[in-house]
Amino acid sequence: MKDSPRRNLWMLLGAVGFLLLMACVNVANPLLARGTTRQREVAIRAALGASRAQLFRQFLTESLLLAVAGGVLGVYLAWFLIDAIMAFVPMNMLPSEADARISIPVLLFTIGATMLAGLLFGCAPAWQASRLDLNEVMKQGGRTGAGVGRRGVRRALIVVEFALALTLLAGGGLALHSFWNLTRVDLGVRTERVLTFFLPVPQSRFSETERVTSYYRQLLGRIEAVPGVENAAVTTGIPTRGTYFGMAFTIVGAPPVDRSARPGAGFQMVTPGFFETFGVRVIKGRRFTEQDTASATRVAVVNENFANRYFPGVDPLAQRIVIDGLIPGSRKMGPPVEWQIVGVFHNVRNGQGLRRDRPEIYVPFWQSPWPQASVAVRTVGDPASVTSSIAAAVNSIDPDLPLAGVKTMDQQVSEVLAFDRFGMVLYGSFAALALLLAAVGIYGVMAFAVAQRTHEFGVRMALGARGAQILRLVLREGGTLAFIGLVFGLGGAYLVGRAMHTTLYGVSALDTVAFSAAAFVLLVAALLACYVPARRASKVDPMVALRHE
């Protein structure tokens, strides 16, 4: 989500639009039902001289009043909810130009959307009222009924609502499935009991590499002497957070290429304790040792991705690479440096939200020291119990350099997943609201249908139908509407999957697991929502029902 904030905002707007349409459908259905019960009232008004235009305006005005009342309540709630919602939004998720507050333009847009919603859900009952057959209604006397056409409109609205609900529920399911996959990815490191921090060393502090090396050697010695510390390391990048440098390189013995066409890889300087501290496995060759100093042969280790991509079918330990040198305390590049590859380590997920690994090169910190570095400490127990002792050890060397960005590796990983976690919660919330709206909508339609068909059910039971048969009849009607909506909703779910594809991990645009789960949950919710009206229909007393008309 971090890489495409604009796309995410458009998807968010689409989800809100779907919920708005579902809310319109939910309001339109009760208004249609209420309009059916008011047929005699409308007929009398028409008989007294009211025109169709006047009847249309009356019902539309009632709908708009409901919309205005709901809009005012919504704006009032937004004042309290927007701060709470923004508190959960991860940093850098929204573009810098985003201004998440209720301003005049936002308020005007909300008022306009509310009035448009009032028109949308008010047009159907208004049109129904203006199209009544006066003679037919007066012949029915006090009886009210819903014609086949009106029942068809209400059922069609339920089908549309379930199609929209499946679209939103599928989006929530895709986000949940993607987050599930991310939490189970092989990070390539062990995150438990590891404390990380960095030291805000000024660029100008160390002008010589020997001073950088001396400082960090002394620092590691003090930290490792703290009781409860198992291992400690200095590194220019924390695993899962991304590498500090990206460097172009050439392979010794390979055909020459233009400077601009050289391949690139992540580049980090690490001390020998890095591999033990983070639990990074070296699968071939060796790791760094304390003998890999500035006076020794310059060595490097690469990850599996690097070895497989650039040395297919050959032994990577027999290869050498050339990388432009780095001058400590300066942003300028030094002369090219040749490195002998001595090991291959298991891929570590770095950056890009843990979605993939990339080619990486690690070199000994003592052979290529850098002033600004992070420190990682593996502890015997809870890192929090030794944090103050570690801080005291660092301050004993230089009290002017406080520990900055103190976090455990578990916290680091949690922050990397913050965007995906927020997306899961956000789309999951929309999915839950869609599920609730769909259940309420089909309950309202079925409850009204049962009330209108009381006489029919009484006749059926008087002729020998059992309560269980009436129960199945109502459930079958409601389930059929939901199923038809789900079939139409599969197309929308696929389009949502296509739109979310770049933000998902290990999930295809047509994810059968997420879609099947969403459809199953919606169908079960529909049957549960229909059960209460169906149960009421199965308990109808035939004598009372026959006297009802």
Protein backbone atom coordinates (compact mmCIF):
# COMPACT_ATOMS: atom_id res chain seq x y z
CA MET A 1 0.00 0.00 0.00
CA LYS A 2 2.90 2.31 0.66
CA ASP A 3 4.03 2.27 -2.96
CA SER A 4 0.74 3.41 -4.46
CA PRO A 5 -1.14 5.80 -2.16
CA ARG A 6 -3.13 7.30 -5.01
CA ARG A 7 -4.38 3.89 -6.12
CA ASN A 8 -5.30 3.07 -2.53
CA LEU A 9 -7.29 6.27 -2.17
CA TRP A 10 -9.24 5.48 -5.33
CA MET A 11 -9.94 1.98 -4.03
CA LEU A 12 -11.05 3.46 -0.72
CA LEU A 13 -13.38 5.85 -2.52
CA GLY A 14 -14.80 2.93 -4.50
CA ALA A 15 -15.44 0.94 -1.32
CA VAL A 16 -17.21 3.92 0.25
CA GLY A 17 -19.29 4.32 -2.91
CA PHE A 18 -20.35 0.68 -2.78
CA LEU A 19 -21.40 1.07 0.85
CA LEU A 20 -23.36 4.19 -0.07
CA LEU A 21 -25.19 2.31 -2.82
CA MET A 22 -25.98 -0.53 -0.41
CA ALA A 23 -27.32 1.97 2.12
CA CYS A 24 -29.49 3.50 -0.61
CA VAL A 25 -30.86 0.08 -1.48
CA ASN A 26 -31.55 -0.64 2.19
CA VAL A 27 -33.52 2.60 2.54
CA ALA A 28 -35.30 2.25 -0.80
CA ASN A 29 -36.69 -1.19 0.04
CA PRO A 30 -38.48 -0.13 3.27
CA LEU A 31 -39.78 2.98 1.50
CA LEU A 32 -41.13 0.82 -1.32
CA ALA A 33 -42.75 -1.44 1.25
CA ARG A 34 -44.18 1.54 3.12
CA GLY A 35 -45.46 2.94 -0.15
CA THR A 36 -47.31 -0.32 -0.73
CA THR A 37 -49.10 -0.02 2.61
CA ARG A 38 -50.02 3.58 1.76
CA GLN A 39 -51.73 2.75 -1.52
CA ARG A 40 -55.21 3.60 -0.26
CA GLU A 41 -53.96 6.92 1.17
CA VAL A 42 -52.37 7.78 -2.18
CA ALA A 43 -55.54 6.77 -4.02
CA ILE A 44 -57.66 9.04 -1.85
CA ARG A 45 -55.25 11.93 -2.42
CA ALA A 46 -55.43 11.30 -6.16
CA ALA A 47 -59.23 11.14 -6.02
CA LEU A 48 -59.27 14.52 -4.27
CA GLY A 49 -57.31 16.07 -7.12
CA ALA A 50 -53.61 15.46 -6.42
CA SER A 51 -51.66 15.10 -9.64
CA ARG A 52 -48.98 12.51 -10.29
CA ALA A 53 -46.32 15.21 -10.13
CA GLN A 54 -47.57 16.29 -6.70
CA LEU A 55 -47.56 12.70 -5.42
CA PHE A 56 -44.04 12.19 -6.80
CA ARG A 57 -42.80 15.36 -5.09
CA GLN A 58 -44.40 14.35 -1.78
CA PHE A 59 -42.63 11.00 -1.61
CA LEU A 60 -39.37 12.46 -2.89
CA THR A 61 -39.53 15.20 -0.25
CA GLU A 62 -39.98 12.61 2.48
CA SER A 63 -36.92 10.75 1.18
CA LEU A 64 -34.82 13.91 1.06
CA LEU A 65 -35.80 14.77 4.65
CA LEU A 66 -34.56 11.35 5.73
CA ALA A 67 -31.33 11.93 3.80
CA VAL A 68 -30.78 15.33 5.39
CA ALA A 69 -31.39 13.94 8.89
CA GLY A 70 -28.98 11.07 8.23
CA GLY A 71 -26.41 13.42 6.71
CA VAL A 72 -26.47 15.75 9.71
CA LEU A 73 -26.01 12.80 12.06
CA GLY A 74 -23.19 11.45 9.88
CA VAL A 75 -21.30 14.77 9.88
CA TYR A 76 -21.71 15.00 13.66
CA LEU A 77 -20.27 11.51 14.11
CA ALA A 78 -17.45 12.26 11.66
CA TRP A 79 -16.16 15.05 13.90
CA PHE A 80 -15.52 12.46 16.61
CA LEU A 81 -14.46 9.53 14.45
CA ILE A 82 -11.98 11.13 12.05
CA ASP A 83 -9.30 11.71 14.71
CA ALA A 84 -9.70 8.15 15.97
CA ILE A 85 -9.37 6.75 12.45
CA MET A 86 -6.33 8.88 11.60
CA ALA A 87 -4.61 7.66 14.76
CA PHE A 88 -4.52 4.18 13.22
CA VAL A 89 -3.29 5.29 9.77
CA PRO A 90 0.39 4.28 9.31
CA MET A 91 2.90 7.03 8.65
CA ASN A 92 3.52 7.88 4.97
CA MET A 93 0.45 5.94 3.87
CA LEU A 94 -1.37 9.05 2.66
CA PRO A 95 0.22 11.39 0.12
CA SER A 96 1.70 14.57 1.53
CA GLU A 97 -1.02 16.69 -0.09
CA ALA A 98 -3.79 14.75 1.68
CA ASP A 99 -5.64 16.83 4.27
CA ALA A 100 -7.78 14.49 6.35
CA ARG A 101 -10.19 16.87 8.04
CA ILE A 102 -13.73 18.13 7.61
CA SER A 103 -13.19 21.31 5.63
CA ILE A 104 -15.71 23.37 3.70
CA PRO A 105 -15.09 21.48 0.40
CA VAL A 106 -15.43 18.16 2.23
CA LEU A 107 -18.61 19.32 3.93
CA LEU A 108 -20.10 20.50 0.63
CA PHE A 109 -19.18 17.20 -1.01
CA THR A 110 -20.81 15.31 1.86
CA ILE A 111 -23.98 17.38 1.59
CA GLY A 112 -24.07 16.82 -2.16
CA ALA A 113 -23.53 13.06 -1.78
CA THR A 114 -26.25 12.91 0.88
CA MET A 115 -28.77 14.74 -1.30
CA LEU A 116 -27.88 12.54 -4.26
CA ALA A 117 -28.40 9.47 -2.09
CA GLY A 118 -31.78 10.86 -1.06
CA LEU A 119 -32.74 11.22 -4.70
CA LEU A 120 -31.51 7.72 -5.51
CA PHE A 121 -33.38 5.87 -2.78
CA GLY A 122 -36.41 8.17 -3.05
CA CYS A 123 -37.06 7.90 -6.77
CA ALA A 124 -38.31 4.30 -6.70
CA PRO A 125 -41.06 4.77 -4.06
CA ALA A 126 -41.96 8.18 -5.54
CA TRP A 127 -42.32 6.68 -9.00
CA GLN A 128 -44.35 3.79 -7.53
CA ALA A 129 -46.75 6.18 -5.78
CA SER A 130 -47.24 8.31 -8.89
CA ARG A 131 -48.02 5.27 -11.08
CA LEU A 132 -50.80 3.72 -9.01
CA ASP A 133 -54.01 2.63 -10.78
CA LEU A 134 -56.69 4.55 -8.88
CA ASN A 135 -59.58 2.29 -9.87
CA GLU A 136 -57.70 -0.90 -9.01
CA VAL A 137 -56.72 0.35 -5.55
CA MET A 138 -60.23 1.54 -4.74
CA LYS A 139 -61.62 -1.89 -5.78
CA GLN A 140 -59.34 -3.54 -3.20
CA GLY A 141 -61.00 -1.56 -0.44
CA GLY A 142 -58.89 -1.60 2.70
CA ARG A 143 -56.59 -4.34 1.46
CA THR A 144 -53.07 -3.52 0.50
CA GLY A 145 -50.99 -5.62 -1.75
CA ALA A 146 -47.79 -5.57 -3.59
CA GLY A 147 -48.02 -6.29 -7.26
CA VAL A 148 -45.70 -8.60 -9.07
CA GLY A 149 -43.84 -5.65 -10.54
CA ARG A 150 -43.26 -4.01 -7.16
CA ARG A 151 -42.12 -7.27 -5.58
CA GLY A 152 -39.78 -7.69 -8.54
CA VAL A 153 -38.22 -4.26 -7.94
CA ARG A 154 -37.58 -5.02 -4.28
CA ARG A 155 -36.09 -8.40 -5.09
CA ALA A 156 -33.92 -6.91 -7.82
CA LEU A 157 -32.60 -4.40 -5.31
CA ILE A 158 -31.69 -7.24 -2.93
CA VAL A 159 -29.85 -9.01 -5.75
CA VAL A 160 -27.89 -5.81 -6.46
CA GLU A 161 -27.15 -5.38 -2.76
CA PHE A 162 -25.75 -8.88 -2.42
CA ALA A 163 -23.67 -8.41 -5.55
CA LEU A 164 -22.15 -5.27 -4.04
CA ALA A 165 -21.72 -7.01 -0.69
CA LEU A 166 -19.81 -9.89 -2.27
CA THR A 167 -17.54 -7.40 -4.03
CA LEU A 168 -16.63 -5.69 -0.76
CA LEU A 169 -16.42 -8.93 1.20
CA ALA A 170 -14.11 -10.38 -1.46
CA GLY A 171 -11.87 -7.31 -1.15
CA GLY A 172 -11.68 -7.84 2.61
CA GLY A 173 -10.97 -11.53 2.09
CA LEU A 174 -8.16 -10.77 -0.38
CA ALA A 175 -6.54 -8.31 2.06
CA LEU A 176 -6.84 -10.84 4.89
CA HIS A 177 -5.38 -13.67 2.78
CA SER A 178 -2.51 -11.44 1.65
CA PHE A 179 -1.69 -10.40 5.22
CA TRP A 180 -1.85 -14.02 6.34
CA ASN A 181 0.71 -14.93 3.68
CA LEU A 182 3.00 -12.06 4.69
CA THR A 183 2.99 -13.05 8.36
CA ARG A 184 4.19 -16.52 7.38
CA VAL A 185 6.91 -15.57 4.94
CA ASP A 186 10.45 -16.76 5.64
CA LEU A 187 12.22 -13.58 6.76
CA GLY A 188 15.65 -15.21 6.74
CA VAL A 189 16.30 -13.91 10.28
CA ARG A 190 15.30 -14.77 13.83
CA THR A 191 13.45 -11.81 15.32
CA GLU A 192 13.00 -12.96 18.92
CA ARG A 193 15.08 -11.31 21.67
CA VAL A 194 16.84 -8.85 19.35
CA LEU A 195 17.10 -5.15 20.24
CA THR A 196 18.08 -2.60 17.57
CA PHE A 197 19.02 1.08 17.67
CA PHE A 198 21.17 3.53 15.75
CA LEU A 199 23.62 6.24 16.75
CA PRO A 200 23.19 9.73 15.23
CA VAL A 201 26.87 10.20 14.47
CA PRO A 202 27.57 13.44 12.55
CA GLN A 203 29.09 12.99 9.11
CA SER A 204 32.07 15.15 10.04
CA ARG A 205 32.93 13.33 13.25
CA PHE A 206 35.12 10.61 11.75
CA SER A 207 37.40 11.75 8.97
CA GLU A 208 39.54 8.62 9.09
CA THR A 209 38.49 5.00 8.75
CA GLU A 210 40.71 3.97 11.67
CA ARG A 211 38.72 6.19 14.03
CA VAL A 212 35.43 4.67 12.82
CA THR A 213 36.76 1.16 13.35
CA SER A 214 38.19 1.98 16.77
CA TYR A 215 34.96 3.57 17.97
CA TYR A 216 32.69 0.69 16.97
CA ARG A 217 35.09 -1.98 18.21
CA GLN A 218 35.10 -0.30 21.59
CA LEU A 219 31.33 0.08 21.46
CA LEU A 220 30.76 -3.63 20.74
CA GLY A 221 33.16 -4.60 23.51
CA ARG A 222 31.24 -2.54 26.08
CA ILE A 223 27.85 -3.86 24.92
CA GLU A 224 28.93 -7.51 24.87
CA ALA A 225 30.20 -7.11 28.45
CA VAL A 226 26.69 -6.21 29.66
CA PRO A 227 25.11 -9.12 31.62
CA GLY A 228 22.27 -10.68 29.62
CA VAL A 229 23.76 -9.87 26.20
CA GLU A 230 24.36 -12.90 24.00
CA ASN A 231 25.65 -11.32 20.77
CA ALA A 232 26.03 -7.83 19.32
CA ALA A 233 26.69 -6.51 15.84
CA VAL A 234 27.09 -3.29 13.89
CA THR A 235 25.42 -2.99 10.50
CA THR A 236 24.53 -0.27 8.03
CA GLY A 237 21.04 -1.71 7.57
CA ILE A 238 18.51 -3.54 9.71
CA PRO A 239 17.06 -6.70 8.10
CA THR A 240 13.43 -6.31 6.91
CA ARG A 241 13.88 -2.50 6.80
CA GLY A 242 15.95 -2.41 3.61
CA THR A 243 19.62 -1.95 2.82
CA TYR A 244 21.31 1.40 3.34
CA PHE A 245 23.14 1.33 0.01
CA GLY A 246 22.36 0.16 -3.50
CA MET A 247 25.54 -0.37 -5.48
CA ALA A 248 26.37 -1.23 -9.09
CA PHE A 249 29.07 -3.83 -9.64
CA THR A 250 30.96 -5.75 -12.29
CA ILE A 251 32.02 -9.37 -12.31
CA VAL A 252 35.72 -10.01 -12.79
CA GLY A 253 36.24 -11.96 -16.03
CA ALA A 254 32.78 -11.14 -17.45
CA PRO A 255 32.42 -9.28 -20.76
CA PRO A 256 32.70 -5.50 -20.17
CA VAL A 257 29.48 -3.47 -20.13
CA ASP A 258 28.72 0.25 -20.13
CA ARG A 259 28.81 1.88 -16.74
CA SER A 260 25.10 2.69 -16.93
CA ALA A 261 24.26 -0.95 -17.77
CA ARG A 262 26.00 -2.51 -14.77
CA PRO A 263 23.83 -4.74 -12.57
CA GLY A 264 23.03 -3.58 -9.05
CA ALA A 265 22.52 -5.09 -5.62
CA GLY A 266 21.92 -4.09 -2.05
CA PHE A 267 25.17 -3.37 -0.24
CA GLN A 268 25.76 -3.56 3.51
CA MET A 269 28.71 -3.46 5.87
CA VAL A 270 28.34 -5.81 8.83
CA THR A 271 30.53 -6.96 11.68
CA PRO A 272 31.26 -10.68 12.19
CA GLY A 273 28.60 -10.98 14.91
CA PHE A 274 25.84 -10.00 12.47
CA PHE A 275 25.07 -13.58 11.44
CA GLU A 276 24.80 -14.93 15.00
CA THR A 277 22.85 -11.90 16.23
CA PHE A 278 20.19 -12.10 13.52
CA GLY A 279 20.35 -15.85 12.99
CA VAL A 280 21.22 -15.50 9.30
CA ARG A 281 22.25 -18.89 7.90
CA VAL A 282 25.35 -19.17 5.71
CA ILE A 283 24.54 -22.08 3.39
CA LYS A 284 27.82 -22.20 1.50
CA GLY A 285 31.33 -21.08 2.29
CA ARG A 286 32.05 -19.10 5.44
CA ARG A 287 30.92 -16.04 7.33
CA PHE A 288 33.09 -13.13 8.38
CA THR A 289 35.63 -13.39 11.18
CA GLU A 290 37.60 -10.91 13.27
CA GLN A 291 40.56 -11.58 10.98
CA ASP A 292 38.75 -9.89 8.06
CA THR A 293 40.38 -6.53 8.72
CA ALA A 294 41.57 -3.70 6.51
CA SER A 295 44.97 -5.38 6.05
CA ALA A 296 43.47 -8.74 4.97
CA THR A 297 42.08 -9.79 1.61
CA ARG A 298 38.80 -8.04 0.94
CA VAL A 299 36.00 -10.58 1.11
CA ALA A 300 32.24 -10.54 0.60
CA VAL A 301 29.26 -12.81 1.07
CA VAL A 302 26.22 -12.74 -1.22
CA ASN A 303 22.70 -14.04 -0.81
CA GLU A 304 21.12 -16.93 -2.69
CA ASN A 305 19.27 -14.54 -4.98
CA PHE A 306 22.56 -12.96 -6.06
CA ALA A 307 24.28 -16.32 -6.58
CA ASN A 308 21.40 -17.80 -8.58
CA ARG A 309 20.96 -14.73 -10.76
CA TYR A 310 24.56 -13.85 -11.60
CA PHE A 311 26.39 -17.17 -11.20
CA PRO A 312 24.06 -19.85 -12.55
CA GLY A 313 25.81 -23.17 -12.97
CA VAL A 314 29.15 -21.96 -11.56
CA ASP A 315 30.69 -21.89 -8.12
CA PRO A 316 30.09 -18.41 -6.63
CA LEU A 317 32.99 -18.90 -4.20
CA ALA A 318 35.39 -18.78 -7.14
CA GLN A 319 34.09 -15.39 -8.29
CA ARG A 320 35.20 -11.84 -7.64
CA ILE A 321 33.26 -8.63 -8.02
CA VAL A 322 34.31 -4.99 -8.32
CA ILE A 323 32.36 -2.22 -6.59
CA ASP A 324 33.05 1.51 -6.43
CA GLY A 325 34.59 2.38 -3.08
CA LEU A 326 32.84 4.42 -0.38
CA ILE A 327 34.63 7.25 1.41
CA PRO A 328 33.54 7.46 5.09
CA GLY A 329 32.14 10.85 6.08
CA SER A 330 31.64 11.82 2.45
CA ARG A 331 29.03 11.22 -0.20
CA LYS A 332 31.72 10.87 -2.86
CA MET A 333 32.66 7.54 -4.41
CA GLY A 334 36.23 6.28 -4.15
CA PRO A 335 38.25 4.10 -6.51
CA PRO A 336 36.85 0.65 -7.45
CA VAL A 337 37.47 -2.13 -4.93
CA GLU A 338 37.68 -5.83 -5.74
CA TRP A 339 35.98 -8.30 -3.39
CA GLN A 340 36.42 -12.07 -3.23
CA ILE A 341 33.17 -13.94 -2.60
CA VAL A 342 33.70 -16.36 0.30
CA GLY A 343 30.14 -17.29 1.28
CA VAL A 344 26.47 -17.48 0.30
CA PHE A 345 23.78 -16.75 2.88
CA HIS A 346 20.09 -17.53 2.99
CA ASN A 347 17.89 -14.80 1.51
CA VAL A 348 16.80 -12.07 3.93
CA ARG A 349 13.59 -10.20 3.19
CA ASN A 350 14.56 -6.54 2.91
CA GLY A 351 12.21 -3.70 2.09
CA GLN A 352 9.19 -3.69 -0.25
CA GLY A 353 6.95 -4.76 2.61
CA LEU A 354 8.65 -8.17 2.92
CA ARG A 355 7.21 -9.12 -0.46
CA ARG A 356 10.43 -10.21 -2.12
CA ASP A 357 14.15 -10.46 -1.69
CA ARG A 358 16.71 -8.93 -4.01
CA PRO A 359 20.39 -9.54 -4.74
CA GLU A 360 22.50 -8.47 -1.78
CA ILE A 361 26.20 -8.14 -0.99
CA TYR A 362 27.56 -8.02 2.56
CA VAL A 363 31.15 -6.95 3.25
CA PRO A 364 33.03 -6.79 6.57
CA PHE A 365 32.45 -3.57 8.47
CA TRP A 366 36.12 -3.57 9.50
CA GLN A 367 37.15 -3.51 5.82
CA SER A 368 34.67 -0.82 4.80
CA PRO A 369 33.70 1.15 7.92
CA TRP A 370 30.92 3.74 7.84
CA PRO A 371 30.21 6.39 10.52
CA GLN A 372 26.41 6.09 10.59
CA ALA A 373 25.46 2.58 11.59
CA SER A 374 22.87 0.62 13.51
CA VAL A 375 23.53 -1.72 16.40
CA ALA A 376 21.74 -5.02 17.02
CA VAL A 377 21.89 -6.92 20.29
CA ARG A 378 20.63 -10.44 20.94
CA THR A 379 19.78 -10.89 24.59
CA VAL A 380 19.36 -13.93 26.79
CA GLY A 381 15.95 -12.78 28.02
CA ASP A 382 13.58 -9.91 27.40
CA PRO A 383 15.47 -7.07 25.62
CA ALA A 384 13.62 -4.49 27.72
CA SER A 385 15.35 -5.77 30.85
CA VAL A 386 18.82 -4.82 29.56
CA THR A 387 18.02 -1.71 27.51
CA SER A 388 19.07 0.69 30.27
CA SER A 389 22.34 -1.23 30.81
CA ILE A 390 23.09 -1.11 27.08
CA ALA A 391 22.37 2.63 27.02
CA ALA A 392 24.76 3.12 29.96
CA ALA A 393 27.46 1.16 28.11
CA VAL A 394 27.05 3.34 25.01
CA ASN A 395 27.04 6.56 27.07
CA SER A 396 30.22 5.48 28.84
CA ILE A 397 32.04 5.85 25.50
CA ASP A 398 30.33 9.03 24.32
CA PRO A 399 27.59 10.66 26.43
CA ASP A 400 26.73 13.00 23.52
CA LEU A 401 25.39 10.13 21.40
CA PRO A 402 22.06 8.89 22.75
CA LEU A 403 20.41 5.72 21.54
CA ALA A 404 17.93 6.56 18.79
CA GLY A 405 15.16 4.44 17.29
CA VAL A 406 15.30 1.81 20.03
CA LYS A 407 13.10 -1.08 18.89
CA THR A 408 13.00 -4.84 19.02
CA MET A 409 13.09 -6.79 15.79
CA ASP A 410 9.52 -7.89 16.41
CA GLN A 411 8.55 -4.21 16.49
CA GLN A 412 10.54 -3.58 13.31
CA VAL A 413 8.66 -6.34 11.48
CA SER A 414 5.35 -5.11 12.87
CA GLU A 415 6.05 -1.61 11.51
CA VAL A 416 6.95 -3.02 8.09
CA LEU A 417 3.60 -4.84 8.06
CA ALA A 418 1.70 -1.78 9.30
CA PHE A 419 0.46 -0.80 5.83
CA ASP A 420 -0.82 -4.27 5.05
CA ARG A 421 -2.34 -4.60 8.53
CA PHE A 422 -4.16 -1.30 8.14
CA GLY A 423 -5.40 -2.32 4.71
CA MET A 424 -6.69 -5.60 6.12
CA VAL A 425 -8.51 -3.81 8.96
CA LEU A 426 -9.87 -1.12 6.63
CA TYR A 427 -11.22 -3.43 3.95
CA GLY A 428 -12.30 -5.91 6.61
CA SER A 429 -14.37 -3.15 8.24
CA PHE A 430 -15.99 -2.32 4.92
CA ALA A 431 -16.68 -6.01 4.39
CA ALA A 432 -18.30 -6.29 7.83
CA LEU A 433 -20.49 -3.25 7.14
CA ALA A 434 -21.45 -4.69 3.76
CA LEU A 435 -22.35 -8.00 5.41
CA LEU A 436 -24.47 -6.20 7.99
CA LEU A 437 -26.25 -4.10 5.37
CA ALA A 438 -26.94 -7.12 3.18
CA ALA A 439 -28.34 -9.10 6.11
CA VAL A 440 -30.53 -6.20 7.24
CA GLY A 441 -31.72 -5.64 3.68
CA ILE A 442 -32.82 -9.19 3.01
CA TYR A 443 -34.37 -9.42 6.48
CA GLY A 444 -36.48 -6.33 5.78
CA VAL A 445 -37.66 -7.62 2.41
CA MET A 446 -38.49 -11.09 3.71
CA ALA A 447 -40.20 -9.72 6.84
CA PHE A 448 -42.42 -7.49 4.71
CA ALA A 449 -43.12 -10.32 2.26
CA VAL A 450 -44.20 -12.60 5.12
CA ALA A 451 -46.47 -9.89 6.53
CA GLN A 452 -48.05 -9.35 3.10
CA ARG A 453 -48.54 -13.09 2.55
CA THR A 454 -50.12 -13.91 5.90
CA HIS A 455 -53.40 -14.84 4.22
CA GLU A 456 -51.60 -17.08 1.71
CA PHE A 457 -49.73 -18.91 4.45
CA GLY A 458 -52.95 -19.36 6.41
CA VAL A 459 -54.62 -20.93 3.36
CA ARG A 460 -51.64 -23.25 2.81
CA MET A 461 -51.68 -24.41 6.42
CA ALA A 462 -55.48 -24.80 6.38
CA LEU A 463 -55.03 -27.09 3.37
CA GLY A 464 -52.52 -29.27 5.25
CA ALA A 465 -49.13 -27.58 4.83
CA ARG A 466 -46.85 -28.07 7.84
CA GLY A 467 -44.87 -25.34 9.54
CA ALA A 468 -41.58 -26.88 8.38
CA GLN A 469 -42.73 -26.64 4.77
CA ILE A 470 -43.61 -22.96 5.16
CA LEU A 471 -40.23 -22.41 6.83
CA ARG A 472 -38.39 -24.03 3.92
CA LEU A 473 -40.47 -22.06 1.41
CA VAL A 474 -39.47 -18.69 2.87
CA LEU A 475 -35.84 -19.72 3.37
CA ARG A 476 -35.67 -20.96 -0.21
CA GLU A 477 -36.98 -17.66 -1.56
CA GLY A 478 -34.50 -15.63 0.47
CA GLY A 479 -31.61 -17.97 -0.31
CA THR A 480 -32.41 -17.82 -4.02
CA LEU A 481 -32.25 -14.02 -4.03
CA ALA A 482 -28.92 -14.13 -2.18
CA PHE A 483 -27.49 -16.79 -4.50
CA ILE A 484 -28.42 -14.83 -7.63
CA GLY A 485 -26.76 -11.75 -6.14
CA LEU A 486 -23.64 -13.76 -5.36
CA VAL A 487 -23.42 -15.01 -8.95
CA PHE A 488 -23.56 -11.46 -10.29
CA GLY A 489 -21.13 -10.31 -7.59
CA LEU A 490 -18.38 -12.67 -8.76
CA GLY A 491 -17.63 -10.34 -11.67
CA GLY A 492 -17.25 -7.38 -9.32
CA ALA A 493 -15.09 -9.46 -6.98
CA TYR A 494 -12.75 -10.33 -9.85
CA LEU A 495 -12.43 -6.65 -10.84
CA VAL A 496 -11.63 -5.75 -7.23
CA GLY A 497 -8.97 -8.46 -7.22
CA ARG A 498 -7.45 -6.98 -10.38
CA ALA A 499 -7.44 -3.50 -8.82
CA MET A 500 -5.84 -4.74 -5.58
CA HIS A 501 -3.38 -7.09 -7.27
CA THR A 502 -0.34 -4.84 -6.87
CA THR A 503 -0.96 -4.49 -3.13
CA LEU A 504 -1.42 -8.21 -2.45
CA TYR A 505 1.12 -10.90 -1.70
CA GLY A 506 0.71 -14.50 -2.81
CA VAL A 507 -2.89 -13.89 -3.87
CA SER A 508 -4.20 -13.93 -7.43
CA ALA A 509 -6.94 -11.68 -8.81
CA LEU A 510 -9.22 -14.73 -8.89
CA ASP A 511 -8.51 -16.14 -5.45
CA THR A 512 -10.89 -19.05 -4.98
CA VAL A 513 -10.23 -19.28 -1.24
CA ALA A 514 -11.17 -15.66 -0.53
CA PHE A 515 -14.11 -15.66 -2.97
CA SER A 516 -15.52 -18.96 -1.69
CA ALA A 517 -15.23 -17.84 1.93
CA ALA A 518 -16.92 -14.51 1.15
CA ALA A 519 -19.77 -16.19 -0.76
CA PHE A 520 -20.27 -18.77 1.99
CA VAL A 521 -20.39 -16.14 4.75
CA LEU A 522 -22.87 -14.02 2.78
CA LEU A 523 -25.12 -16.98 2.03
CA VAL A 524 -25.13 -18.07 5.66
CA ALA A 525 -25.89 -14.48 6.75
CA ALA A 526 -28.78 -14.36 4.26
CA LEU A 527 -30.28 -17.60 5.56
CA LEU A 528 -29.91 -16.46 9.17
CA ALA A 529 -31.54 -13.13 8.33
CA CYS A 530 -34.41 -14.95 6.60
CA TYR A 531 -34.87 -17.41 9.46
CA VAL A 532 -36.76 -15.02 11.76
CA PRO A 533 -39.41 -14.06 9.15
CA ALA A 534 -39.58 -17.70 8.03
CA ARG A 535 -40.08 -18.86 11.60
CA ARG A 536 -42.83 -16.29 12.04
CA ALA A 537 -44.51 -17.52 8.86
CA SER A 538 -44.37 -21.15 10.05
CA LYS A 539 -46.18 -20.16 13.28
CA VAL A 540 -49.15 -18.50 11.55
CA ASP A 541 -52.52 -19.53 12.99
CA PRO A 542 -54.73 -20.48 9.97
CA MET A 543 -57.92 -19.10 11.57
CA VAL A 544 -56.31 -15.75 12.42
CA ALA A 545 -54.73 -15.56 8.99
CA LEU A 546 -58.00 -16.25 7.18
CA ARG A 547 -59.76 -13.53 9.19
CA HIS A 548 -56.86 -11.16 8.34
CA GLU A 549 -58.46 -10.28 5.02
